[in-house]
Amino acid sequence: MKFIAEIDVMPLKALLDPQGRAVAGVLKNIGLAQLENVRVGKHITVEVDATDESHASKLVEDACKKLLANPIMESYHFVVNKAGGKDTQ
């Protein structure tokens, strides 16, 4: 079965986010000072071939732990959907 995983990787809240700080500075400079506490991360979409949704989630979890996120500096969250469907986990 095919699944689509949507993964968000973000810097840990306890750490400084220089990229977010830079974006916040530019927002202020262009008249959007109301937008504050900017955090910049990455969004990853991946197609997963797995026997079921639980297996797909396990594969995505492994990918996050081993490659996509650095647990010392980043947190991650993901949702697995059946390809073409709206089932989530």
PDB file of N, CA and C in Angstrom:
ATOM      1  N   MET A   1       0.842  -1.187   0.000  1.00  0.00           N
ATOM      2  CA  MET A   1       0.000   0.000   0.000  1.00  0.00           C
ATOM      3  C   MET A   1       0.882   1.244   0.000  1.00  0.00           C
ATOM      4  N   LYS A   2       0.378   2.280  -0.597  1.00  0.00           N
ATOM      5  CA  LYS A   2       1.105   3.551  -0.635  1.00  0.00           C
ATOM      6  C   LYS A   2       0.524   4.514   0.394  1.00  0.00           C
ATOM      7  N   PHE A   3       1.416   5.197   1.088  1.00  0.00           N
ATOM      8  CA  PHE A   3       1.052   6.210   2.065  1.00  0.00           C
ATOM      9  C   PHE A   3       1.869   7.459   1.777  1.00  0.00           C
ATOM     10  N   ILE A   4       1.342   8.582   2.209  1.00  0.00           N
ATOM     11  CA  ILE A   4       2.063   9.859   2.123  1.00  0.00           C
ATOM     12  C   ILE A   4       2.303  10.343   3.552  1.00  0.00           C
ATOM     13  N   ALA A   5       3.558  10.642   3.848  1.00  0.00           N
ATOM     14  CA  ALA A   5       3.905  11.181   5.165  1.00  0.00           C
ATOM     15  C   ALA A   5       4.244  12.657   5.014  1.00  0.00           C
ATOM     16  N   GLU A   6       3.670  13.457   5.878  1.00  0.00           N
ATOM     17  CA  GLU A   6       3.962  14.887   5.964  1.00  0.00           C
ATOM     18  C   GLU A   6       4.716  15.092   7.274  1.00  0.00           C
ATOM     19  N   ILE A   7       5.958  15.531   7.182  1.00  0.00           N
ATOM     20  CA  ILE A   7       6.840  15.626   8.350  1.00  0.00           C
ATOM     21  C   ILE A   7       7.242  17.084   8.550  1.00  0.00           C
ATOM     22  N   ASP A   8       7.111  17.570   9.772  1.00  0.00           N
ATOM     23  CA  ASP A   8       7.580  18.905  10.137  1.00  0.00           C
ATOM     24  C   ASP A   8       8.711  18.760  11.136  1.00  0.00           C
ATOM     25  N   VAL A   9       9.836  19.393  10.843  1.00  0.00           N
ATOM     26  CA  VAL A   9      11.002  19.389  11.724  1.00  0.00           C
ATOM     27  C   VAL A   9      11.245  20.833  12.136  1.00  0.00           C
ATOM     28  N   MET A  10      11.300  21.060  13.448  1.00  0.00           N
ATOM     29  CA  MET A  10      11.460  22.420  13.961  1.00  0.00           C
ATOM     30  C   MET A  10      12.584  22.474  14.992  1.00  0.00           C
ATOM     31  N   PRO A  11      13.244  23.622  15.121  1.00  0.00           N
ATOM     32  CA  PRO A  11      14.234  23.771  16.187  1.00  0.00           C
ATOM     33  C   PRO A  11      13.532  23.661  17.544  1.00  0.00           C
ATOM     34  N   LEU A  12      14.218  23.069  18.498  1.00  0.00           N
ATOM     35  CA  LEU A  12      13.655  22.983  19.850  1.00  0.00           C
ATOM     36  C   LEU A  12      13.368  24.385  20.377  1.00  0.00           C
ATOM     37  N   LYS A  13      12.280  24.527  21.110  1.00  0.00           N
ATOM     38  CA  LYS A  13      11.870  25.848  21.610  1.00  0.00           C
ATOM     39  C   LYS A  13      12.909  26.460  22.541  1.00  0.00           C
ATOM     40  N   ALA A  14      13.670  25.625  23.235  1.00  0.00           N
ATOM     41  CA  ALA A  14      14.666  26.127  24.179  1.00  0.00           C
ATOM     42  C   ALA A  14      15.902  26.701  23.485  1.00  0.00           C
ATOM     43  N   LEU A  15      16.053  26.425  22.190  1.00  0.00           N
ATOM     44  CA  LEU A  15      17.235  26.886  21.463  1.00  0.00           C
ATOM     45  C   LEU A  15      16.943  28.149  20.664  1.00  0.00           C
ATOM     46  N   LEU A  16      17.977  28.949  20.475  1.00  0.00           N
ATOM     47  CA  LEU A  16      17.857  30.122  19.617  1.00  0.00           C
ATOM     48  C   LEU A  16      17.645  29.663  18.178  1.00  0.00           C
ATOM     49  N   ASP A  17      16.894  30.430  17.430  1.00  0.00           N
ATOM     50  CA  ASP A  17      16.642  30.140  16.023  1.00  0.00           C
ATOM     51  C   ASP A  17      17.098  31.345  15.206  1.00  0.00           C
ATOM     52  N   PRO A  18      18.375  31.369  14.786  1.00  0.00           N
ATOM     53  CA  PRO A  18      18.886  32.532  14.068  1.00  0.00           C
ATOM     54  C   PRO A  18      18.124  32.829  12.781  1.00  0.00           C
ATOM     55  N   GLN A  19      17.702  31.798  12.075  1.00  0.00           N
ATOM     56  CA  GLN A  19      16.961  32.018  10.829  1.00  0.00           C
ATOM     57  C   GLN A  19      15.598  32.654  11.136  1.00  0.00           C
ATOM     58  N   GLY A  20      14.942  32.168  12.175  1.00  0.00           N
ATOM     59  CA  GLY A  20      13.673  32.752  12.588  1.00  0.00           C
ATOM     60  C   GLY A  20      13.839  34.194  13.039  1.00  0.00           C
ATOM     61  N   ARG A  21      14.926  34.452  13.740  1.00  0.00           N
ATOM     62  CA  ARG A  21      15.201  35.814  14.203  1.00  0.00           C
ATOM     63  C   ARG A  21      15.421  36.756  13.021  1.00  0.00           C
ATOM     64  N   ALA A  22      16.131  36.277  11.998  1.00  0.00           N
ATOM     65  CA  ALA A  22      16.361  37.088  10.808  1.00  0.00           C
ATOM     66  C   ALA A  22      15.045  37.387  10.089  1.00  0.00           C
ATOM     67  N   VAL A  23      14.198  36.382   9.967  1.00  0.00           N
ATOM     68  CA  VAL A  23      12.898  36.586   9.315  1.00  0.00           C
ATOM     69  C   VAL A  23      12.058  37.577  10.116  1.00  0.00           C
ATOM     70  N   ALA A  24      12.070  37.459  11.438  1.00  0.00           N
ATOM     71  CA  ALA A  24      11.316  38.384  12.283  1.00  0.00           C
ATOM     72  C   ALA A  24      11.798  39.823  12.085  1.00  0.00           C
ATOM     73  N   GLY A  25      13.115  39.991  11.938  1.00  0.00           N
ATOM     74  CA  GLY A  25      13.672  41.323  11.704  1.00  0.00           C
ATOM     75  C   GLY A  25      13.201  41.914  10.384  1.00  0.00           C
ATOM     76  N   VAL A  26      13.174  41.103   9.348  1.00  0.00           N
ATOM     77  CA  VAL A  26      12.710  41.577   8.047  1.00  0.00           C
ATOM     78  C   VAL A  26      11.215  41.894   8.093  1.00  0.00           C
ATOM     79  N   LEU A  27      10.444  41.051   8.759  1.00  0.00           N
ATOM     80  CA  LEU A  27       9.003  41.321   8.895  1.00  0.00           C
ATOM     81  C   LEU A  27       8.774  42.680   9.544  1.00  0.00           C
ATOM     82  N   LYS A  28       9.553  42.970  10.577  1.00  0.00           N
ATOM     83  CA  LYS A  28       9.441  44.271  11.251  1.00  0.00           C
ATOM     84  C   LYS A  28       9.783  45.402  10.280  1.00  0.00           C
ATOM     85  N   ASN A  29      10.849  45.197   9.490  1.00  0.00           N
ATOM     86  CA  ASN A  29      11.290  46.229   8.544  1.00  0.00           C
ATOM     87  C   ASN A  29      10.284  46.488   7.428  1.00  0.00           C
ATOM     88  N   ILE A  30       9.461  45.508   7.101  1.00  0.00           N
ATOM     89  CA  ILE A  30       8.493  45.703   6.013  1.00  0.00           C
ATOM     90  C   ILE A  30       7.091  46.002   6.549  1.00  0.00           C
ATOM     91  N   GLY A  31       7.024  46.410   7.823  1.00  0.00           N
ATOM     92  CA  GLY A  31       5.768  46.867   8.389  1.00  0.00           C
ATOM     93  C   GLY A  31       4.879  45.768   8.951  1.00  0.00           C
ATOM     94  N   LEU A  32       5.452  44.605   9.243  1.00  0.00           N
ATOM     95  CA  LEU A  32       4.664  43.503   9.798  1.00  0.00           C
ATOM     96  C   LEU A  32       5.166  43.106  11.190  1.00  0.00           C
ATOM     97  N   ALA A  33       5.392  44.124  12.021  1.00  0.00           N
ATOM     98  CA  ALA A  33       5.928  43.893  13.360  1.00  0.00           C
ATOM     99  C   ALA A  33       4.978  43.098  14.251  1.00  0.00           C
ATOM    100  N   GLN A  34       3.713  42.978  13.846  1.00  0.00           N
ATOM    101  CA  GLN A  34       2.744  42.209  14.631  1.00  0.00           C
ATOM    102  C   GLN A  34       3.050  40.710  14.593  1.00  0.00           C
ATOM    103  N   LEU A  35       3.837  40.279  13.615  1.00  0.00           N
ATOM    104  CA  LEU A  35       4.216  38.864  13.510  1.00  0.00           C
ATOM    105  C   LEU A  35       5.497  38.660  14.317  1.00  0.00           C
ATOM    106  N   GLU A  36       5.394  37.896  15.394  1.00  0.00           N
ATOM    107  CA  GLU A  36       6.506  37.750  16.340  1.00  0.00           C
ATOM    108  C   GLU A  36       6.849  36.281  16.569  1.00  0.00           C
ATOM    109  N   ASN A  37       7.950  36.067  17.276  1.00  0.00           N
ATOM    110  CA  ASN A  37       8.385  34.729  17.680  1.00  0.00           C
ATOM    111  C   ASN A  37       8.420  33.761  16.497  1.00  0.00           C
ATOM    112  N   VAL A  38       9.082  34.177  15.439  1.00  0.00           N
ATOM    113  CA  VAL A  38       9.168  33.365  14.226  1.00  0.00           C
ATOM    114  C   VAL A  38      10.131  32.208  14.454  1.00  0.00           C
ATOM    115  N   ARG A  39       9.723  31.010  14.065  1.00  0.00           N
ATOM    116  CA  ARG A  39      10.570  29.820  14.100  1.00  0.00           C
ATOM    117  C   ARG A  39      10.579  29.247  12.682  1.00  0.00           C
ATOM    118  N   VAL A  40      11.738  28.960  12.163  1.00  0.00           N
ATOM    119  CA  VAL A  40      11.859  28.427  10.812  1.00  0.00           C
ATOM    120  C   VAL A  40      12.318  26.982  10.899  1.00  0.00           C
ATOM    121  N   GLY A  41      11.590  26.109  10.225  1.00  0.00           N
ATOM    122  CA  GLY A  41      11.935  24.698  10.196  1.00  0.00           C
ATOM    123  C   GLY A  41      11.863  24.182   8.783  1.00  0.00           C
ATOM    124  N   LYS A  42      11.611  22.884   8.671  1.00  0.00           N
ATOM    125  CA  LYS A  42      11.485  22.309   7.338  1.00  0.00           C
ATOM    126  C   LYS A  42      10.287  21.376   7.286  1.00  0.00           C
ATOM    127  N   HIS A  43       9.690  21.313   6.106  1.00  0.00           N
ATOM    128  CA  HIS A  43       8.549  20.440   5.860  1.00  0.00           C
ATOM    129  C   HIS A  43       8.980  19.427   4.812  1.00  0.00           C
ATOM    130  N   ILE A  44       8.791  18.160   5.108  1.00  0.00           N
ATOM    131  CA  ILE A  44       9.224  17.079   4.218  1.00  0.00           C
ATOM    132  C   ILE A  44       8.017  16.217   3.888  1.00  0.00           C
ATOM    133  N   THR A  45       7.840  15.919   2.622  1.00  0.00           N
ATOM    134  CA  THR A  45       6.801  14.999   2.180  1.00  0.00           C
ATOM    135  C   THR A  45       7.483  13.793   1.577  1.00  0.00           C
ATOM    136  N   VAL A  46       7.021  12.611   1.971  1.00  0.00           N
ATOM    137  CA  VAL A  46       7.637  11.388   1.458  1.00  0.00           C
ATOM    138  C   VAL A  46       6.554  10.347   1.184  1.00  0.00           C
ATOM    139  N   GLU A  47       6.724   9.607   0.108  1.00  0.00           N
ATOM    140  CA  GLU A  47       5.819   8.506  -0.206  1.00  0.00           C
ATOM    141  C   GLU A  47       6.383   7.243   0.436  1.00  0.00           C
ATOM    142  N   VAL A  48       5.514   6.482   1.078  1.00  0.00           N
ATOM    143  CA  VAL A  48       5.936   5.290   1.803  1.00  0.00           C
ATOM    144  C   VAL A  48       5.204   4.076   1.248  1.00  0.00           C
ATOM    145  N   ASP A  49       5.946   3.039   0.934  1.00  0.00           N
ATOM    146  CA  ASP A  49       5.366   1.767   0.507  1.00  0.00           C
ATOM    147  C   ASP A  49       5.422   0.845   1.717  1.00  0.00           C
ATOM    148  N   ALA A  50       4.266   0.514   2.288  1.00  0.00           N
ATOM    149  CA  ALA A  50       4.214  -0.285   3.513  1.00  0.00           C
ATOM    150  C   ALA A  50       2.988  -1.183   3.501  1.00  0.00           C
ATOM    151  N   THR A  51       3.005  -2.195   4.362  1.00  0.00           N
ATOM    152  CA  THR A  51       1.889  -3.146   4.421  1.00  0.00           C
ATOM    153  C   THR A  51       0.633  -2.534   5.013  1.00  0.00           C
ATOM    154  N   ASP A  52       0.796  -1.590   5.970  1.00  0.00           N
ATOM    155  CA  ASP A  52      -0.349  -0.924   6.592  1.00  0.00           C
ATOM    156  C   ASP A  52       0.116   0.401   7.186  1.00  0.00           C
ATOM    157  N   GLU A  53      -0.814   1.153   7.727  1.00  0.00           N
ATOM    158  CA  GLU A  53      -0.502   2.485   8.249  1.00  0.00           C
ATOM    159  C   GLU A  53       0.471   2.431   9.428  1.00  0.00           C
ATOM    160  N   SER A  54       0.326   1.436  10.264  1.00  0.00           N
ATOM    161  CA  SER A  54       1.221   1.284  11.406  1.00  0.00           C
ATOM    162  C   SER A  54       2.665   1.052  10.947  1.00  0.00           C
ATOM    163  N   HIS A  55       2.824   0.212   9.944  1.00  0.00           N
ATOM    164  CA  HIS A  55       4.155  -0.049   9.391  1.00  0.00           C
ATOM    165  C   HIS A  55       4.725   1.210   8.739  1.00  0.00           C
ATOM    166  N   ALA A  56       3.887   1.954   8.026  1.00  0.00           N
ATOM    167  CA  ALA A  56       4.322   3.209   7.403  1.00  0.00           C
ATOM    168  C   ALA A  56       4.797   4.196   8.468  1.00  0.00           C
ATOM    169  N   SER A  57       4.048   4.303   9.559  1.00  0.00           N
ATOM    170  CA  SER A  57       4.428   5.207  10.653  1.00  0.00           C
ATOM    171  C   SER A  57       5.755   4.808  11.267  1.00  0.00           C
ATOM    172  N   LYS A  58       5.974   3.520  11.417  1.00  0.00           N
ATOM    173  CA  LYS A  58       7.242   3.021  11.979  1.00  0.00           C
ATOM    174  C   LYS A  58       8.407   3.394  11.067  1.00  0.00           C
ATOM    175  N   LEU A  59       8.228   3.229   9.764  1.00  0.00           N
ATOM    176  CA  LEU A  59       9.281   3.579   8.812  1.00  0.00           C
ATOM    177  C   LEU A  59       9.592   5.078   8.856  1.00  0.00           C
ATOM    178  N   VAL A  60       8.549   5.899   8.921  1.00  0.00           N
ATOM    179  CA  VAL A  60       8.745   7.349   8.977  1.00  0.00           C
ATOM    180  C   VAL A  60       9.426   7.739  10.294  1.00  0.00           C
ATOM    181  N   GLU A  61       9.004   7.133  11.393  1.00  0.00           N
ATOM    182  CA  GLU A  61       9.639   7.392  12.699  1.00  0.00           C
ATOM    183  C   GLU A  61      11.135   7.082  12.629  1.00  0.00           C
ATOM    184  N   ASP A  62      11.476   5.941  12.050  1.00  0.00           N
ATOM    185  CA  ASP A  62      12.888   5.563  11.910  1.00  0.00           C
ATOM    186  C   ASP A  62      13.654   6.586  11.069  1.00  0.00           C
ATOM    187  N   ALA A  63      13.047   7.033   9.967  1.00  0.00           N
ATOM    188  CA  ALA A  63      13.700   8.025   9.109  1.00  0.00           C
ATOM    189  C   ALA A  63      13.939   9.329   9.859  1.00  0.00           C
ATOM    190  N   CYS A  64      12.964   9.743  10.647  1.00  0.00           N
ATOM    191  CA  CYS A  64      13.109  10.976  11.429  1.00  0.00           C
ATOM    192  C   CYS A  64      14.236  10.846  12.441  1.00  0.00           C
ATOM    193  N   LYS A  65      14.256   9.731  13.154  1.00  0.00           N
ATOM    194  CA  LYS A  65      15.268   9.526  14.199  1.00  0.00           C
ATOM    195  C   LYS A  65      16.673   9.380  13.627  1.00  0.00           C
ATOM    196  N   LYS A  66      16.787   8.706  12.485  1.00  0.00           N
ATOM    197  CA  LYS A  66      18.101   8.383  11.937  1.00  0.00           C
ATOM    198  C   LYS A  66      18.665   9.432  10.984  1.00  0.00           C
ATOM    199  N   LEU A  67      17.787  10.239  10.360  1.00  0.00           N
ATOM    200  CA  LEU A  67      18.284  11.139   9.325  1.00  0.00           C
ATOM    201  C   LEU A  67      17.644  12.523   9.295  1.00  0.00           C
ATOM    202  N   LEU A  68      16.338  12.576   9.347  1.00  0.00           N
ATOM    203  CA  LEU A  68      15.647  13.829   9.032  1.00  0.00           C
ATOM    204  C   LEU A  68      15.689  14.871  10.141  1.00  0.00           C
ATOM    205  N   ALA A  69      15.835  14.456  11.398  1.00  0.00           N
ATOM    206  CA  ALA A  69      15.859  15.404  12.519  1.00  0.00           C
ATOM    207  C   ALA A  69      17.048  15.101  13.428  1.00  0.00           C
ATOM    208  N   ASN A  70      17.639  16.141  13.944  1.00  0.00           N
ATOM    209  CA  ASN A  70      18.708  16.007  14.928  1.00  0.00           C
ATOM    210  C   ASN A  70      18.062  16.186  16.302  1.00  0.00           C
ATOM    211  N   PRO A  71      17.890  15.108  17.071  1.00  0.00           N
ATOM    212  CA  PRO A  71      17.152  15.204  18.337  1.00  0.00           C
ATOM    213  C   PRO A  71      17.795  16.124  19.379  1.00  0.00           C
ATOM    214  N   ILE A  72      19.042  16.462  19.202  1.00  0.00           N
ATOM    215  CA  ILE A  72      19.711  17.375  20.129  1.00  0.00           C
ATOM    216  C   ILE A  72      19.219  18.809  19.906  1.00  0.00           C
ATOM    217  N   MET A  73      18.867  19.118  18.650  1.00  0.00           N
ATOM    218  CA  MET A  73      18.502  20.497  18.316  1.00  0.00           C
ATOM    219  C   MET A  73      17.104  20.649  17.737  1.00  0.00           C
ATOM    220  N   GLU A  74      16.461  19.532  17.346  1.00  0.00           N
ATOM    221  CA  GLU A  74      15.190  19.644  16.635  1.00  0.00           C
ATOM    222  C   GLU A  74      14.145  18.665  17.179  1.00  0.00           C
ATOM    223  N   SER A  75      12.897  19.044  17.006  1.00  0.00           N
ATOM    224  CA  SER A  75      11.788  18.137  17.281  1.00  0.00           C
ATOM    225  C   SER A  75      11.095  17.869  15.950  1.00  0.00           C
ATOM    226  N   TYR A  76      10.302  16.808  15.911  1.00  0.00           N
ATOM    227  CA  TYR A  76       9.582  16.505  14.685  1.00  0.00           C
ATOM    228  C   TYR A  76       8.186  15.999  15.009  1.00  0.00           C
ATOM    229  N   HIS A  77       7.329  16.166  14.034  1.00  0.00           N
ATOM    230  CA  HIS A  77       5.951  15.678  14.113  1.00  0.00           C
ATOM    231  C   HIS A  77       5.579  15.243  12.707  1.00  0.00           C
ATOM    232  N   PHE A  78       4.862  14.129  12.615  1.00  0.00           N
ATOM    233  CA  PHE A  78       4.453  13.695  11.282  1.00  0.00           C
ATOM    234  C   PHE A  78       3.049  13.131  11.296  1.00  0.00           C
ATOM    235  N   VAL A  79       2.448  13.136  10.106  1.00  0.00           N
ATOM    236  CA  VAL A  79       1.133  12.558   9.869  1.00  0.00           C
ATOM    237  C   VAL A  79       1.270  11.642   8.664  1.00  0.00           C
ATOM    238  N   VAL A  80       0.703  10.448   8.776  1.00  0.00           N
ATOM    239  CA  VAL A  80       0.720   9.495   7.670  1.00  0.00           C
ATOM    240  C   VAL A  80      -0.705   9.354   7.141  1.00  0.00           C
ATOM    241  N   ASN A  81      -0.866   9.557   5.839  1.00  0.00           N
ATOM    242  CA  ASN A  81      -2.163   9.410   5.192  1.00  0.00           C
ATOM    243  C   ASN A  81      -2.062   8.342   4.117  1.00  0.00           C
ATOM    244  N   LYS A  82      -3.107   7.579   3.964  1.00  0.00           N
ATOM    245  CA  LYS A  82      -3.183   6.644   2.861  1.00  0.00           C
ATOM    246  C   LYS A  82      -3.162   7.467   1.577  1.00  0.00           C
ATOM    247  N   ALA A  83      -2.356   7.069   0.614  1.00  0.00           N
ATOM    248  CA  ALA A  83      -2.265   7.821  -0.645  1.00  0.00           C
ATOM    249  C   ALA A  83      -3.654   7.912  -1.265  1.00  0.00           C
ATOM    250  N   GLY A  84      -4.085   9.136  -1.541  1.00  0.00           N
ATOM    251  CA  GLY A  84      -5.387   9.361  -2.120  1.00  0.00           C
ATOM    252  C   GLY A  84      -6.514   9.411  -1.104  1.00  0.00           C
ATOM    253  N   GLY A  85      -6.205   9.230   0.186  1.00  0.00           N
ATOM    254  CA  GLY A  85      -7.234   9.226   1.229  1.00  0.00           C
ATOM    255  C   GLY A  85      -6.990  10.256   2.296  1.00  0.00           C
ATOM    256  N   LYS A  86      -7.852  10.262   3.310  1.00  0.00           N
ATOM    257  CA  LYS A  86      -7.751  11.239   4.390  1.00  0.00           C
ATOM    258  C   LYS A  86      -7.486  10.571   5.743  1.00  0.00           C
ATOM    259  N   ASP A  87      -7.145   9.292   5.790  1.00  0.00           N
ATOM    260  CA  ASP A  87      -6.859   8.626   7.059  1.00  0.00           C
ATOM    261  C   ASP A  87      -5.589   9.205   7.636  1.00  0.00           C
ATOM    262  N   THR A  88      -5.573   9.494   8.943  1.00  0.00           N
ATOM    263  CA  THR A  88      -4.386  10.059   9.579  1.00  0.00           C
ATOM    264  C   THR A  88      -4.002   9.222  10.776  1.00  0.00           C
ATOM    265  N   GLN A  89      -2.773   9.441  11.199  1.00  0.00           N
ATOM    266  CA  GLN A  89      -2.287   8.806  12.423  1.00  0.00           C
ATOM    267  C   GLN A  89      -1.563   9.826  13.236  1.00  0.00           C
TER     268      GLN A  89
END
